[in-house]
């Protein structure tokens, strides 16, 4: 009885591919699938017309290339993960330093108030917070009081020095104060000490005042 080697080989390869489709729903052949197909082809080849040696070498070369590609990708993934972890944990060294968000601005809607935080690097004997518009005109002055160094929260009711509600817009917050030695100093909104670092779902967050801020939002650390 004659054996149809071609049909047997095709059937076996189809079965192997079909079996692979159950465990590989994405239809992407891995190195194990490639090797299984190659061995199946050799197993069911026609004894009177065996697979050409050059073709086998070509397929083996493809398998080696696939293996090398997989190993390279795995090594790159591991390197990227290591670099990411190193970068995250290097941020811990910034704890205690000052982070600058690069802006002293707050946005205000007319009729609403605004709460913000200002960091005073030294003890405050007395001082004021000046809220200015984009033209540099002071619209409101808040009293700082006498306090130890630290981050303090202030609330502006949205009114000007005359008690009238200011227009909606962007305003700037800067402070002038004297320390316990009587030295005149300045500070502003947007610069705070880094109190802690948190890692959340691949993101690095630093605690500035009472808020956690993404590391990417920081313009300068000093």
N, C-alpha and C. Protein backbone atom coordinates (compact mmCIF):
# COMPACT_ATOMS: atom_id res chain seq x y z
N UNK A 1 0.86 -1.19 0.00
CA UNK A 1 0.00 0.00 0.00
C UNK A 1 0.88 1.22 0.00
N UNK A 2 0.60 2.13 -0.89
CA UNK A 2 1.43 3.34 -1.00
C UNK A 2 1.12 4.30 0.13
N UNK A 3 2.16 4.98 0.59
CA UNK A 3 2.00 5.97 1.66
C UNK A 3 2.19 7.35 1.06
N UNK A 4 1.24 8.21 1.26
CA UNK A 4 1.33 9.58 0.77
C UNK A 4 2.07 10.40 1.82
N UNK A 5 3.40 10.46 1.67
CA UNK A 5 4.23 11.12 2.68
C UNK A 5 3.93 12.60 2.77
N UNK A 6 3.63 13.22 1.62
CA UNK A 6 3.37 14.66 1.62
C UNK A 6 2.14 15.00 2.44
N UNK A 7 1.06 14.22 2.20
CA UNK A 7 -0.18 14.48 2.93
C UNK A 7 0.00 14.18 4.42
N UNK A 8 0.77 13.10 4.73
CA UNK A 8 1.00 12.75 6.13
C UNK A 8 1.76 13.85 6.84
N UNK A 9 2.78 14.39 6.15
CA UNK A 9 3.56 15.48 6.75
C UNK A 9 2.70 16.70 6.98
N UNK A 10 1.91 17.07 5.96
CA UNK A 10 1.05 18.24 6.07
C UNK A 10 0.06 18.08 7.19
N UNK A 11 -0.50 16.85 7.30
CA UNK A 11 -1.48 16.58 8.35
C UNK A 11 -0.84 16.69 9.72
N UNK A 12 0.36 16.14 9.87
CA UNK A 12 1.05 16.17 11.15
C UNK A 12 1.39 17.59 11.55
N UNK A 13 1.87 18.37 10.56
CA UNK A 13 2.21 19.77 10.85
C UNK A 13 0.96 20.55 11.24
N UNK A 14 -0.15 20.25 10.54
CA UNK A 14 -1.40 20.93 10.86
C UNK A 14 -1.84 20.59 12.27
N UNK A 15 -1.67 19.26 12.64
CA UNK A 15 -2.04 18.86 13.99
C UNK A 15 -1.17 19.56 15.02
N UNK A 16 0.13 19.64 14.73
CA UNK A 16 1.04 20.30 15.66
C UNK A 16 0.69 21.77 15.80
N UNK A 17 0.36 22.40 14.67
CA UNK A 17 -0.03 23.81 14.70
C UNK A 17 -1.33 23.98 15.44
N UNK A 18 -2.27 23.00 15.21
CA UNK A 18 -3.56 23.07 15.88
C UNK A 18 -3.40 22.92 17.37
N UNK A 19 -2.51 22.02 17.78
CA UNK A 19 -2.27 21.84 19.21
C UNK A 19 -1.66 23.08 19.82
N UNK A 20 -0.79 23.74 19.04
CA UNK A 20 -0.16 24.96 19.53
C UNK A 20 -1.15 26.09 19.68
N UNK A 21 -2.20 26.07 18.80
CA UNK A 21 -3.15 27.18 18.85
C UNK A 21 -3.95 27.18 20.13
N UNK A 22 -4.04 25.99 20.78
CA UNK A 22 -4.79 25.91 22.04
C UNK A 22 -4.03 26.59 23.16
N UNK A 23 -2.70 26.39 23.15
CA UNK A 23 -1.88 26.97 24.21
C UNK A 23 -1.29 28.31 23.84
N UNK A 24 -1.42 28.67 22.58
CA UNK A 24 -0.86 29.94 22.11
C UNK A 24 -1.93 30.70 21.34
N UNK A 25 -2.92 31.25 22.02
CA UNK A 25 -4.06 31.88 21.35
C UNK A 25 -3.69 33.09 20.51
N UNK A 26 -2.52 33.68 20.77
CA UNK A 26 -2.12 34.85 19.99
C UNK A 26 -1.56 34.49 18.62
N UNK A 27 -1.34 33.22 18.39
CA UNK A 27 -0.85 32.78 17.09
C UNK A 27 0.59 33.16 16.82
N UNK A 28 1.38 33.37 17.87
CA UNK A 28 2.79 33.72 17.70
C UNK A 28 3.64 32.50 18.00
N UNK A 29 4.46 32.08 17.04
CA UNK A 29 5.29 30.90 17.22
C UNK A 29 6.52 31.25 18.05
N UNK A 30 6.72 30.49 19.11
CA UNK A 30 7.92 30.63 19.91
C UNK A 30 8.96 29.64 19.46
N UNK A 31 10.10 29.60 20.14
CA UNK A 31 11.18 28.70 19.72
C UNK A 31 10.77 27.24 19.88
N UNK A 32 9.98 26.92 20.92
CA UNK A 32 9.56 25.53 21.13
C UNK A 32 8.61 25.08 20.01
N UNK A 33 7.72 25.97 19.59
CA UNK A 33 6.81 25.64 18.49
C UNK A 33 7.58 25.42 17.20
N UNK A 34 8.57 26.27 16.96
CA UNK A 34 9.39 26.18 15.76
C UNK A 34 10.12 24.84 15.72
N UNK A 35 10.69 24.46 16.87
CA UNK A 35 11.44 23.20 16.94
C UNK A 35 10.50 22.01 16.76
N UNK A 36 9.29 22.09 17.34
CA UNK A 36 8.32 21.01 17.21
C UNK A 36 7.93 20.80 15.75
N UNK A 37 7.72 21.90 15.03
CA UNK A 37 7.36 21.79 13.61
C UNK A 37 8.51 21.18 12.79
N UNK A 38 9.74 21.59 13.12
CA UNK A 38 10.89 21.07 12.39
C UNK A 38 11.03 19.56 12.62
N UNK A 39 10.89 19.11 13.87
CA UNK A 39 11.01 17.69 14.18
C UNK A 39 9.87 16.89 13.55
N UNK A 40 8.68 17.46 13.54
CA UNK A 40 7.54 16.79 12.91
C UNK A 40 7.77 16.62 11.42
N UNK A 41 8.31 17.65 10.79
CA UNK A 41 8.61 17.59 9.36
C UNK A 41 9.62 16.50 9.06
N UNK A 42 10.65 16.39 9.91
CA UNK A 42 11.67 15.36 9.70
C UNK A 42 11.10 13.96 9.95
N UNK A 43 10.23 13.87 10.94
CA UNK A 43 9.65 12.57 11.29
C UNK A 43 8.79 12.01 10.16
N UNK A 44 8.06 12.88 9.48
CA UNK A 44 7.12 12.43 8.45
C UNK A 44 7.62 12.67 7.02
N UNK A 45 8.92 12.91 6.87
CA UNK A 45 9.44 13.12 5.53
C UNK A 45 9.38 11.82 4.71
N UNK A 46 9.32 11.96 3.42
CA UNK A 46 9.27 10.82 2.50
C UNK A 46 10.66 10.17 2.46
N UNK A 47 10.77 8.90 2.89
CA UNK A 47 12.10 8.23 2.89
C UNK A 47 12.76 8.21 1.52
N UNK A 48 11.92 8.20 0.46
CA UNK A 48 12.48 8.14 -0.90
C UNK A 48 12.91 9.53 -1.39
N UNK A 49 12.46 10.56 -0.68
CA UNK A 49 12.85 11.93 -1.06
C UNK A 49 13.01 12.76 0.21
N UNK A 50 14.05 12.45 0.98
CA UNK A 50 14.24 13.14 2.27
C UNK A 50 14.42 14.66 2.08
N UNK A 51 14.11 15.35 3.16
CA UNK A 51 14.24 16.81 3.14
C UNK A 51 15.66 17.22 2.80
N UNK A 52 15.78 18.21 1.95
CA UNK A 52 17.09 18.69 1.52
C UNK A 52 17.90 19.19 2.72
N UNK A 53 19.17 18.77 2.76
CA UNK A 53 20.06 19.17 3.87
C UNK A 53 20.16 20.69 4.00
N UNK A 54 20.24 21.35 2.86
CA UNK A 54 20.36 22.81 2.87
C UNK A 54 19.13 23.45 3.52
N UNK A 55 17.95 22.85 3.26
CA UNK A 55 16.73 23.39 3.84
C UNK A 55 16.73 23.20 5.36
N UNK A 56 17.21 22.01 5.80
CA UNK A 56 17.28 21.74 7.23
C UNK A 56 18.22 22.73 7.92
N UNK A 57 19.37 22.95 7.30
CA UNK A 57 20.33 23.91 7.86
C UNK A 57 19.74 25.31 7.92
N UNK A 58 18.98 25.66 6.88
CA UNK A 58 18.35 26.98 6.85
C UNK A 58 17.35 27.13 7.99
N UNK A 59 16.53 26.08 8.20
CA UNK A 59 15.54 26.13 9.26
C UNK A 59 16.20 26.13 10.64
N UNK A 60 17.29 25.35 10.77
CA UNK A 60 18.03 25.34 12.03
C UNK A 60 18.62 26.71 12.32
N UNK A 61 19.12 27.35 11.26
CA UNK A 61 19.68 28.70 11.41
C UNK A 61 18.61 29.68 11.86
N UNK A 62 17.40 29.53 11.31
CA UNK A 62 16.29 30.40 11.72
C UNK A 62 15.95 30.17 13.19
N UNK A 63 16.00 28.91 13.61
CA UNK A 63 15.72 28.59 15.00
C UNK A 63 16.77 29.22 15.92
N UNK A 64 18.03 29.15 15.50
CA UNK A 64 19.11 29.74 16.30
C UNK A 64 18.95 31.26 16.39
N UNK A 65 18.53 31.85 15.26
CA UNK A 65 18.32 33.30 15.24
C UNK A 65 17.18 33.69 16.18
N UNK A 66 16.11 32.88 16.17
CA UNK A 66 14.98 33.15 17.06
C UNK A 66 15.40 33.04 18.52
N UNK A 67 16.18 32.00 18.81
CA UNK A 67 16.67 31.80 20.17
C UNK A 67 17.51 32.99 20.63
N UNK A 68 18.41 33.44 19.74
CA UNK A 68 19.27 34.58 20.06
C UNK A 68 18.45 35.84 20.28
N UNK A 69 17.43 36.04 19.44
CA UNK A 69 16.57 37.21 19.57
C UNK A 69 15.83 37.21 20.90
N UNK A 70 15.32 36.03 21.28
CA UNK A 70 14.60 35.92 22.55
C UNK A 70 15.52 36.20 23.74
N UNK A 71 16.74 35.67 23.67
CA UNK A 71 17.70 35.89 24.75
C UNK A 71 18.09 37.36 24.86
N UNK A 72 18.27 38.00 23.69
CA UNK A 72 18.62 39.42 23.69
C UNK A 72 17.50 40.26 24.28
N UNK A 73 16.26 39.95 23.89
CA UNK A 73 15.12 40.70 24.41
C UNK A 73 14.98 40.52 25.91
N UNK A 74 15.19 39.29 26.39
CA UNK A 74 15.10 39.03 27.83
C UNK A 74 16.17 39.81 28.58
N UNK A 75 17.38 39.86 28.01
CA UNK A 75 18.48 40.60 28.65
C UNK A 75 18.18 42.10 28.69
N UNK A 76 17.61 42.63 27.59
CA UNK A 76 17.28 44.05 27.54
C UNK A 76 16.17 44.39 28.53
N UNK A 77 15.17 43.51 28.64
CA UNK A 77 14.09 43.74 29.61
C UNK A 77 14.64 43.76 31.03
N UNK A 78 15.55 42.84 31.32
CA UNK A 78 16.14 42.78 32.66
C UNK A 78 16.97 44.02 32.94
N UNK A 79 17.73 44.49 31.92
CA UNK A 79 18.54 45.69 32.09
C UNK A 79 17.67 46.91 32.32
N UNK A 80 16.58 47.02 31.53
CA UNK A 80 15.68 48.16 31.68
C UNK A 80 15.05 48.18 33.07
N UNK A 81 14.68 46.99 33.56
CA UNK A 81 14.10 46.90 34.90
C UNK A 81 15.11 47.32 35.97
N UNK A 82 16.35 46.87 35.81
CA UNK A 82 17.40 47.21 36.78
C UNK A 82 17.68 48.71 36.79
N UNK A 83 17.75 49.30 35.59
CA UNK A 83 18.00 50.74 35.51
C UNK A 83 16.86 51.53 36.11
N UNK A 84 15.61 51.05 35.86
CA UNK A 84 14.46 51.74 36.43
C UNK A 84 14.47 51.71 37.94
N UNK A 85 14.81 50.55 38.52
CA UNK A 85 14.88 50.43 39.97
C UNK A 85 15.98 51.30 40.55
N UNK A 86 17.13 51.32 39.86
CA UNK A 86 18.25 52.13 40.34
C UNK A 86 17.89 53.61 40.33
N UNK A 87 17.18 54.04 39.27
CA UNK A 87 16.79 55.45 39.19
C UNK A 87 15.78 55.80 40.28
N UNK A 88 14.84 54.87 40.54
CA UNK A 88 13.87 55.12 41.59
C UNK A 88 14.54 55.28 42.94
N UNK A 89 15.39 54.32 43.30
CA UNK A 89 15.97 54.34 44.62
C UNK A 89 17.02 55.44 44.79
N UNK A 90 17.58 55.94 43.69
CA UNK A 90 18.51 57.06 43.80
C UNK A 90 17.79 58.32 44.26
N UNK A 91 16.47 58.37 44.07
CA UNK A 91 15.69 59.52 44.49
C UNK A 91 15.68 59.63 46.01
N UNK A 92 15.85 58.51 46.71
CA UNK A 92 15.85 58.53 48.17
C UNK A 92 16.93 59.46 48.70
N UNK A 93 18.04 59.57 47.97
CA UNK A 93 19.14 60.44 48.40
C UNK A 93 18.73 61.91 48.42
N UNK A 94 17.61 62.24 47.76
CA UNK A 94 17.17 63.64 47.72
C UNK A 94 16.36 64.04 48.95
N UNK A 95 16.01 63.08 49.81
CA UNK A 95 15.24 63.40 51.02
C UNK A 95 16.02 64.40 51.87
N UNK A 96 15.35 65.47 52.27
CA UNK A 96 16.00 66.51 53.08
C UNK A 96 16.44 67.70 52.25
N UNK A 97 16.53 67.51 50.93
CA UNK A 97 16.89 68.62 50.05
C UNK A 97 15.63 69.38 49.65
N UNK A 98 15.82 70.51 48.99
CA UNK A 98 14.68 71.34 48.58
C UNK A 98 14.34 71.09 47.12
N UNK A 99 13.07 70.86 46.86
CA UNK A 99 12.59 70.66 45.49
C UNK A 99 11.85 71.90 45.04
N UNK A 100 12.14 72.35 43.83
CA UNK A 100 11.51 73.54 43.27
C UNK A 100 10.61 73.13 42.12
N UNK A 101 9.33 73.48 42.23
CA UNK A 101 8.37 73.15 41.17
C UNK A 101 8.42 74.14 40.02
N UNK A 102 9.21 75.19 40.16
CA UNK A 102 9.41 76.13 39.06
C UNK A 102 8.31 77.16 38.88
N UNK A 103 7.41 77.29 39.85
CA UNK A 103 6.33 78.25 39.71
C UNK A 103 5.87 78.74 41.08
N UNK A 104 5.53 80.02 41.16
CA UNK A 104 4.98 80.58 42.40
C UNK A 104 3.51 80.96 42.21
N UNK A 105 2.86 80.32 41.23
CA UNK A 105 1.52 80.74 40.81
C UNK A 105 0.40 79.90 41.42
N UNK A 106 -0.74 80.56 41.62
CA UNK A 106 -1.97 79.89 41.99
C UNK A 106 -3.07 80.40 41.05
N UNK A 107 -4.05 79.57 40.78
CA UNK A 107 -5.19 79.97 39.95
C UNK A 107 -6.38 80.23 40.86
N UNK A 108 -7.09 81.31 40.59
CA UNK A 108 -8.24 81.69 41.43
C UNK A 108 -9.46 81.97 40.57
N UNK A 109 -10.59 81.42 41.00
CA UNK A 109 -11.87 81.75 40.38
C UNK A 109 -12.54 82.84 41.21
N UNK A 110 -13.06 83.84 40.56
CA UNK A 110 -13.66 84.98 41.27
C UNK A 110 -14.76 84.51 42.21
N UNK A 111 -14.69 85.01 43.43
CA UNK A 111 -15.68 84.65 44.44
C UNK A 111 -15.28 83.47 45.30
N UNK A 112 -14.19 82.79 44.92
CA UNK A 112 -13.72 81.63 45.69
C UNK A 112 -12.46 81.98 46.47
N UNK A 113 -12.11 81.13 47.41
CA UNK A 113 -10.87 81.30 48.17
C UNK A 113 -9.82 80.33 47.64
N UNK A 114 -8.60 80.52 48.08
CA UNK A 114 -7.50 79.65 47.66
C UNK A 114 -6.62 79.31 48.86
N UNK A 115 -6.35 78.03 49.03
CA UNK A 115 -5.48 77.57 50.12
C UNK A 115 -4.17 77.08 49.52
N UNK A 116 -3.06 77.51 50.09
CA UNK A 116 -1.73 77.15 49.57
C UNK A 116 -0.75 77.00 50.72
N UNK A 117 0.41 76.48 50.41
CA UNK A 117 1.45 76.26 51.42
C UNK A 117 2.74 76.98 51.02
N UNK A 118 3.41 77.52 52.02
CA UNK A 118 4.69 78.21 51.80
C UNK A 118 5.70 77.65 52.80
N UNK A 119 6.90 77.41 52.31
CA UNK A 119 7.97 76.89 53.15
C UNK A 119 8.90 78.02 53.59
N UNK A 120 9.14 78.07 54.91
CA UNK A 120 10.07 79.04 55.49
C UNK A 120 11.29 78.28 56.00
N UNK A 121 12.43 78.41 55.32
CA UNK A 121 13.63 77.66 55.69
C UNK A 121 14.17 78.01 57.08
N UNK A 122 13.88 79.22 57.56
CA UNK A 122 14.37 79.63 58.88
C UNK A 122 13.20 80.10 59.75
N UNK A 123 13.48 80.19 61.07
CA UNK A 123 12.44 80.66 61.99
C UNK A 123 11.94 82.04 61.57
N UNK A 124 10.66 82.25 61.75
CA UNK A 124 10.04 83.52 61.35
C UNK A 124 9.75 84.36 62.60
N UNK A 125 10.39 85.53 62.66
CA UNK A 125 10.10 86.48 63.73
C UNK A 125 8.85 87.28 63.38
N UNK A 126 8.82 87.72 62.14
CA UNK A 126 7.63 88.39 61.59
C UNK A 126 7.77 88.40 60.07
N UNK A 127 6.65 88.61 59.40
CA UNK A 127 6.72 88.62 57.95
C UNK A 127 5.35 88.72 57.30
N UNK A 128 5.36 88.89 56.00
CA UNK A 128 4.11 89.00 55.24
C UNK A 128 4.19 88.18 53.96
N UNK A 129 3.04 87.79 53.47
CA UNK A 129 2.93 87.13 52.18
C UNK A 129 2.26 88.09 51.22
N UNK A 130 2.90 88.36 50.11
CA UNK A 130 2.35 89.28 49.11
C UNK A 130 1.77 88.47 47.95
N UNK A 131 0.51 88.72 47.65
CA UNK A 131 -0.15 88.10 46.50
C UNK A 131 -0.26 89.15 45.42
N UNK A 132 0.36 88.88 44.28
CA UNK A 132 0.42 89.86 43.21
C UNK A 132 -0.23 89.31 41.94
N UNK A 133 -0.65 90.24 41.07
CA UNK A 133 -1.20 89.82 39.78
C UNK A 133 -0.07 89.69 38.76
N UNK A 134 -0.43 89.41 37.52
CA UNK A 134 0.60 89.21 36.50
C UNK A 134 1.38 90.48 36.17
N UNK A 135 0.85 91.63 36.59
CA UNK A 135 1.56 92.90 36.36
C UNK A 135 2.50 93.24 37.51
N UNK A 136 2.50 92.40 38.54
CA UNK A 136 3.36 92.65 39.68
C UNK A 136 2.73 93.54 40.74
N UNK A 137 1.47 93.88 40.57
CA UNK A 137 0.76 94.73 41.54
C UNK A 137 0.26 93.88 42.69
N UNK A 138 0.56 94.30 43.92
CA UNK A 138 0.10 93.56 45.09
C UNK A 138 -1.40 93.77 45.29
N UNK A 139 -2.13 92.68 45.32
CA UNK A 139 -3.58 92.76 45.50
C UNK A 139 -3.99 92.41 46.92
N UNK A 140 -3.13 91.68 47.64
CA UNK A 140 -3.45 91.29 49.01
C UNK A 140 -2.18 90.97 49.77
N UNK A 141 -2.17 91.33 51.07
CA UNK A 141 -1.04 91.00 51.94
C UNK A 141 -1.56 90.22 53.14
N UNK A 142 -0.93 89.09 53.41
CA UNK A 142 -1.30 88.25 54.54
C UNK A 142 -0.20 88.26 55.58
N UNK A 143 -0.59 88.24 56.86
CA UNK A 143 0.39 88.23 57.95
C UNK A 143 0.89 86.81 58.19
N UNK A 144 2.20 86.66 58.33
CA UNK A 144 2.78 85.35 58.55
C UNK A 144 2.76 84.97 60.03
N UNK A 145 2.97 85.93 60.90
CA UNK A 145 3.05 85.65 62.33
C UNK A 145 4.45 85.24 62.73
N UNK A 146 4.59 84.74 63.94
CA UNK A 146 5.87 84.26 64.45
C UNK A 146 5.81 82.74 64.58
N UNK A 147 6.69 82.08 63.83
CA UNK A 147 6.63 80.62 63.77
C UNK A 147 8.03 80.03 63.58
N UNK A 148 8.22 78.79 64.01
CA UNK A 148 9.48 78.10 63.70
C UNK A 148 9.55 77.84 62.20
N UNK A 149 10.71 77.46 61.74
CA UNK A 149 10.87 77.13 60.33
C UNK A 149 9.97 75.95 59.98
N UNK A 150 9.54 75.89 58.73
CA UNK A 150 8.68 74.79 58.31
C UNK A 150 7.72 75.20 57.21
N UNK A 151 6.83 74.29 56.86
CA UNK A 151 5.82 74.53 55.83
C UNK A 151 4.52 74.94 56.52
N UNK A 152 3.95 76.06 56.09
CA UNK A 152 2.71 76.56 56.69
C UNK A 152 1.64 76.77 55.63
N UNK A 153 0.42 76.52 56.04
CA UNK A 153 -0.72 76.65 55.13
C UNK A 153 -1.43 77.98 55.37
N UNK A 154 -1.79 78.62 54.27
CA UNK A 154 -2.49 79.90 54.33
C UNK A 154 -3.72 79.85 53.43
N UNK A 155 -4.71 80.65 53.77
CA UNK A 155 -5.91 80.73 52.95
C UNK A 155 -6.16 82.18 52.57
N UNK A 156 -6.28 82.42 51.30
CA UNK A 156 -6.63 83.75 50.78
C UNK A 156 -8.09 83.71 50.39
N UNK A 157 -8.86 84.64 50.89
CA UNK A 157 -10.30 84.63 50.64
C UNK A 157 -10.70 85.13 49.25
N UNK A 158 -9.68 85.48 48.44
CA UNK A 158 -9.98 85.92 47.07
C UNK A 158 -10.31 87.39 46.95
N UNK A 159 -10.11 88.15 48.03
CA UNK A 159 -10.40 89.59 47.98
C UNK A 159 -9.12 90.40 47.91
N UNK A 160 -9.24 91.66 47.50
CA UNK A 160 -8.08 92.55 47.47
C UNK A 160 -8.01 93.34 48.78
N UNK A 161 -7.07 94.27 48.84
CA UNK A 161 -6.89 95.04 50.08
C UNK A 161 -8.12 95.86 50.44
N UNK A 162 -8.98 96.16 49.46
CA UNK A 162 -10.20 96.93 49.71
C UNK A 162 -11.36 96.03 50.12
N UNK A 163 -11.13 94.73 50.10
CA UNK A 163 -12.18 93.81 50.49
C UNK A 163 -13.06 93.34 49.35
N UNK A 164 -12.72 93.73 48.13
CA UNK A 164 -13.52 93.34 46.97
C UNK A 164 -12.94 92.07 46.32
N UNK A 165 -13.83 91.25 45.78
CA UNK A 165 -13.39 90.01 45.12
C UNK A 165 -12.60 90.36 43.86
N UNK A 166 -11.45 89.74 43.70
CA UNK A 166 -10.61 89.99 42.52
C UNK A 166 -11.11 89.13 41.37
N UNK A 167 -10.69 89.50 40.18
CA UNK A 167 -11.10 88.75 38.99
C UNK A 167 -10.43 87.37 38.96
N UNK A 168 -11.06 86.47 38.23
CA UNK A 168 -10.45 85.15 38.03
C UNK A 168 -9.13 85.31 37.28
N UNK A 169 -8.18 84.49 37.63
CA UNK A 169 -6.90 84.57 36.93
C UNK A 169 -5.79 83.88 37.70
N UNK A 170 -4.56 84.13 37.27
CA UNK A 170 -3.38 83.55 37.90
C UNK A 170 -2.71 84.62 38.75
N UNK A 171 -2.37 84.24 39.98
CA UNK A 171 -1.73 85.17 40.91
C UNK A 171 -0.46 84.51 41.46
N UNK A 172 0.44 85.36 41.98
CA UNK A 172 1.75 84.90 42.44
C UNK A 172 1.90 85.12 43.93
N UNK A 173 2.56 84.16 44.60
CA UNK A 173 2.69 84.18 46.06
C UNK A 173 4.16 84.24 46.45
N UNK A 174 4.54 85.32 47.12
CA UNK A 174 5.91 85.50 47.61
C UNK A 174 5.87 86.03 49.03
N UNK A 175 6.89 85.69 49.81
CA UNK A 175 6.91 86.10 51.21
C UNK A 175 8.20 86.84 51.54
N UNK A 176 8.08 87.84 52.41
CA UNK A 176 9.22 88.56 52.97
C UNK A 176 9.14 88.39 54.48
N UNK A 177 10.25 88.00 55.11
CA UNK A 177 10.22 87.81 56.56
C UNK A 177 11.60 88.04 57.16
N UNK A 178 11.63 88.18 58.47
CA UNK A 178 12.89 88.29 59.19
C UNK A 178 13.01 87.09 60.13
N UNK A 179 14.24 86.58 60.25
CA UNK A 179 14.44 85.45 61.15
C UNK A 179 14.67 85.94 62.58
N UNK A 180 14.99 85.01 63.45
CA UNK A 180 15.16 85.36 64.86
C UNK A 180 16.35 86.27 65.10
N UNK A 181 17.28 86.36 64.15
CA UNK A 181 18.44 87.25 64.25
C UNK A 181 18.17 88.61 63.63
N UNK A 182 16.95 88.80 63.10
CA UNK A 182 16.60 90.07 62.48
C UNK A 182 17.04 90.18 61.03
N UNK A 183 17.50 89.07 60.43
CA UNK A 183 17.93 89.10 59.04
C UNK A 183 16.73 89.01 58.11
N UNK A 184 16.72 89.90 57.09
CA UNK A 184 15.62 89.91 56.12
C UNK A 184 15.81 88.78 55.11
N UNK A 185 14.76 88.00 54.91
CA UNK A 185 14.82 86.85 54.01
C UNK A 185 13.57 86.81 53.13
N UNK A 186 13.65 86.05 52.08
CA UNK A 186 12.49 85.88 51.19
C UNK A 186 12.28 84.40 50.91
N UNK A 187 11.06 84.05 50.57
CA UNK A 187 10.73 82.70 50.12
C UNK A 187 9.48 82.81 49.25
N UNK A 188 9.07 81.72 48.67
CA UNK A 188 7.90 81.77 47.79
C UNK A 188 7.20 80.43 47.71
N UNK A 189 6.02 80.47 47.17
CA UNK A 189 5.28 79.24 46.91
C UNK A 189 6.02 78.43 45.84
N UNK A 190 6.03 77.10 45.97
CA UNK A 190 6.61 76.25 44.93
C UNK A 190 7.93 75.64 45.27
N UNK A 191 8.53 76.00 46.42
CA UNK A 191 9.80 75.41 46.84
C UNK A 191 9.60 74.81 48.22
N UNK A 192 9.84 73.47 48.34
CA UNK A 192 9.57 72.77 49.59
C UNK A 192 10.65 71.72 49.85
N UNK A 193 10.86 71.37 51.12
CA UNK A 193 11.80 70.28 51.41
C UNK A 193 11.17 68.93 51.04
N UNK A 194 11.99 68.01 50.57
CA UNK A 194 11.51 66.67 50.25
C UNK A 194 11.50 65.86 51.54
N UNK A 195 10.31 65.49 51.98
CA UNK A 195 10.17 64.79 53.26
C UNK A 195 10.26 63.27 53.11
N UNK A 196 9.77 62.76 52.01
CA UNK A 196 9.81 61.31 51.80
C UNK A 196 9.62 61.00 50.32
N UNK A 197 9.86 59.75 49.96
CA UNK A 197 9.70 59.30 48.58
C UNK A 197 8.79 58.07 48.58
N UNK A 198 7.85 58.03 47.63
CA UNK A 198 6.93 56.89 47.53
C UNK A 198 6.94 56.35 46.11
N UNK A 199 6.93 55.01 45.99
CA UNK A 199 6.88 54.36 44.68
C UNK A 199 5.51 53.73 44.52
N UNK A 200 4.80 54.14 43.49
CA UNK A 200 3.44 53.68 43.29
C UNK A 200 3.20 53.32 41.83
N UNK A 201 3.04 52.02 41.56
CA UNK A 201 2.74 51.53 40.22
C UNK A 201 3.74 52.04 39.17
N UNK A 202 5.00 51.98 39.51
CA UNK A 202 6.04 52.40 38.57
C UNK A 202 6.32 53.89 38.57
N UNK A 203 5.58 54.66 39.34
CA UNK A 203 5.78 56.11 39.41
C UNK A 203 6.50 56.48 40.70
N UNK A 204 7.35 57.49 40.61
CA UNK A 204 8.06 57.98 41.78
C UNK A 204 7.42 59.28 42.24
N UNK A 205 6.98 59.30 43.50
CA UNK A 205 6.32 60.47 44.07
C UNK A 205 7.13 60.97 45.26
N UNK A 206 7.24 62.28 45.39
CA UNK A 206 7.95 62.85 46.53
C UNK A 206 6.98 63.71 47.34
N UNK A 207 7.14 63.68 48.65
CA UNK A 207 6.25 64.45 49.52
C UNK A 207 6.79 65.86 49.71
N UNK A 208 6.02 66.82 49.25
CA UNK A 208 6.36 68.24 49.39
C UNK A 208 5.23 68.90 50.18
N UNK A 209 5.52 69.33 51.39
CA UNK A 209 4.46 69.86 52.22
C UNK A 209 3.50 68.75 52.60
N UNK A 210 2.21 68.95 52.35
CA UNK A 210 1.21 67.92 52.67
C UNK A 210 0.80 67.10 51.46
N UNK A 211 1.48 67.28 50.33
CA UNK A 211 1.10 66.60 49.09
C UNK A 211 2.23 65.76 48.52
N UNK A 212 1.84 64.68 47.83
CA UNK A 212 2.81 63.90 47.06
C UNK A 212 2.77 64.38 45.61
N UNK A 213 3.93 64.67 45.08
CA UNK A 213 4.06 65.24 43.74
C UNK A 213 4.89 64.31 42.86
N UNK A 214 4.47 64.05 41.60
CA UNK A 214 5.28 63.23 40.70
C UNK A 214 6.68 63.83 40.52
N UNK A 215 7.67 62.97 40.52
CA UNK A 215 9.05 63.43 40.38
C UNK A 215 9.24 64.25 39.10
N UNK A 216 8.51 63.89 38.03
CA UNK A 216 8.66 64.58 36.75
C UNK A 216 8.23 66.03 36.81
N UNK A 217 7.46 66.42 37.84
CA UNK A 217 6.99 67.80 37.96
C UNK A 217 8.02 68.73 38.61
N UNK A 218 9.07 68.14 39.16
CA UNK A 218 10.09 68.93 39.83
C UNK A 218 11.10 69.47 38.83
N UNK A 219 11.36 70.76 38.92
CA UNK A 219 12.29 71.40 37.97
C UNK A 219 13.71 71.43 38.48
N UNK A 220 13.89 71.46 39.79
CA UNK A 220 15.24 71.57 40.34
C UNK A 220 15.26 71.04 41.78
N UNK A 221 16.36 70.40 42.14
CA UNK A 221 16.58 69.94 43.52
C UNK A 221 17.89 70.52 43.99
N UNK A 222 17.90 71.14 45.17
CA UNK A 222 19.13 71.76 45.69
C UNK A 222 19.21 71.64 47.20
